[in-house]
Each structure stands twice: as C-alpha cells, then as structure tokens.
C-alpha cells in the first residue's frame, strides 16, 4: 500500500476537483426547533471558531476550528455526503490531498465521524478498526484496499455536490477575519481608509480657512431676452427601440424546491382535513396547483358536510359531491421557482435515488427521452426563438409509509421536481411522483 505521507497528521481542509471543503468537524445532534439558538451556545461552550447547521436528512450542528484551517463560508462536505448516502454506513474516500473517513448512524453523522487523514495507512487502520467492530448496513472503501463485505467502491464524484452545501459561519471576530493577525490588519486598514477619506473630504475646507482667497468683484451680466428653442414632439418607443424577445436558456431548469412544495402541501391539507359525521376519510392528493381531500359517504348526509366545511367554502375551498364521493379542494399558494444547472448523468442520478429511497419503500425509475421539437415557424425564425430539444429526465415514483414531514428534505436533489403527493388513508401508504433532469453528456 502506498503511503503518500509519513506524517500522522489530521487536517480540516479537503481538496477535490479544485475546490476546498471543510472536514474534521465535531458533530452534535439537534432538533429543528432549537437549531439556530442552540448552535451559538454550543460553539461558545466548546470554544469553537465556526459552526454550521445541517438540515437535510437529519438536523445537526457542526463545530469547526481556525487551527484546522477552517474559514468562513467554506462548504461542509460531511453534511453533503450524509444527505446523499442515507441510513447506517461508513466509508473512506480518496481526495486530492489525502483520505477522508465518514461515519453515519441512522442518518446522523457520528461525533467522531468526520476525520481527514494525510496518511493512507492511518486512514486504512482507522477504517478497519471501525469496520471489524460493528455490522454495517453499508460500507465503502477504495477498491485497491480489497476490504471484505464492502457495499460498493464509491468516488467523491458520485456523492459530492449533489445538493446545496451548508457553509461555515464565524462564531467570533477572529474567525470572521481568519485569525487574530488578519483581524488586526483589517482594523488598521479600516482606520487608514477612514483617515484618508477625512483628509480628502476636509482638506480643501481646512485650506480655505487657513488661507482665505482675496475678494473678487462680481459684475452683473446684461440680461437679454432669448428666444425659446423649438421643441419637437417625440413618440415614446420608436419602432427600432422595441425590446426583442430572448430565447430561454435551455441549460437552466426552473422548478419549485421540493421541501417547500411539501411544506405548502402539508399546511394546505391541514386546513381541509375535517372530521365529518357519517363520512370516512379516503385520502389526500397534492399537486402544483391544489390540494384535494376525499371522503366516502358512510350513512352521512349533506347537512353533515355543510356543518363541517361551511367555513372552508367561505374561505375559497371548492366542493364536489358525486353520489357517495365527496372532494374538497383548496388552491396551493404560489411558490417561487429556483434555477438549477449542472445536472447529474443517469448513472449517478440512479445511484443517488437508490441510496436515498430503496430503504424507505418501493422505488420505480423510468428514463425518458423527449421527442425532437417541431420545426420552427416563420415568426420564431425571425425572432430567434428556435425550439430547443428538451433534456432527458427520469420519471420517479416512491411509495412509503413515511410521511412527507419525514421524507420532504430527501427530495431536495439537483434537477428534481416533485410533481404530486398522494396518501391512501386505509393503507397509510404515501406515493410521491417526481421527475429528475439528467445530463448524459457528463460521464
């Protein structure tokens, strides 16, 4: 085994594909309710210089240090990978400057589960110590190590940068400037800038006070009547100044963030779900436009319905009664789109989806290649609005007993759009339908 470094040294900076990532953080569990207030208290007690909040598959606090090379606004690698590879696992990944070990229990990064090694031998020994003392659901290691009972040999390219990364936040002034020395330099620079600015602003005034200029005799100019210039009326927006339509960027994907869609569905459904005497709840369906809640008549009457949902109808809900089937609908609030690009290829996307959803229920993935666009019309040719080939995507269906409150953040994946959520009350099964843009030009 090659040992690229003879030093038994751990660092807090990992290099991968020309980017810096913060590693070697201490991880603590938290709840979403107290995450923001508690993390500052924890950072202060632990004398940490930096902190971050992981809010993906689990809510956690990560604490960092200036001594490890951490700096403000660095991307936190462990939170990214732990949200991609969910469940119970550990693994070692080769990086551009060493080896990185990660350990996760039930989606939670272990307190000592984020360790960076410059020595391959140290990384191997650390991995084997943890590997042999526990039965792991999944384990990942470099192929050349030839470790038995390995789930798969993964590279960082397959699991990093798939979702937005939490970043380090400074816990004190030294950390904000990257150290005491840099803070002092920044303060001195600020004072110099203020001094020079005051000199520029007040210098001429002070000079005039010290050396006043001699009085100047002013002669009144002879006023003459001037003829008003002729004005011409201009119409606003000449034809050659009309704005031209711009073709949309085909490489940018706009969609509602899945976790925001889940939250809106939950809040809207809570308004509709009512206990109606003589009517049995059947299920809930939510799409990008509205939420529908369905009941079935069970010796109930229309008066029972009116008494239970009359207030909802006044607030904008619509009702449809078809024999024994009752449906209440309420529009979903308008949610902002967000732009994405740089999508995964099909193989990486399937790996990501399987690692997230195979253990929570049923998963169906169907690759789709849209047909070529129709020929452009003459108008489109003149305006430069040539139809573009739509990108390929994956049709995704996930069925699970886990509610959107649990799985909502699992869908926050680059290029993924959550289309609908359906809940069957008798079986308590949730069905999530989505599509995910892929880019097979990437290998």
Foldseek 3Di string as FASTA:
>chain_A
DDWPDPDFDWAQWFAAPRAIAGFDWFKDADDPVCQPVVLLVVCVVVVFFKWWWQDFLGTMITGHHLVRVAAFFHFHWQSQLLLLQAAFEKEWAQGPQFIWIAGDHRSGTHRRGTITGNTPVVVVVVLVVVPVVDDTPAYEYDPVVVDPPHPDHDYCVLRTPFFDTITIDGSDQQRNQSHPVSSVVVVVVVVVVVVVVCCVVCVVVVVCVVPPDDDDDDDDDDDDDDDDDDDDDDDPDDVVRDDADDADDQQKDKAFQQLVQQVLQVVQVVVVDWDFPQKAWFKWKDFQWKIKTKIFGRPHDPVSVCVTCVVVVVVPWDWDDDPGMIMIMDTGDDGGIDIFGDFAAPVSVVSSCCSLAVVFADKDKDKDADDADDADDPVCVVRVHGDDGHAIKIKMKGKGLDGCVSCRSSQSTGQKHWGMWMAGVVVSMIMTIIMGGHDNVPD
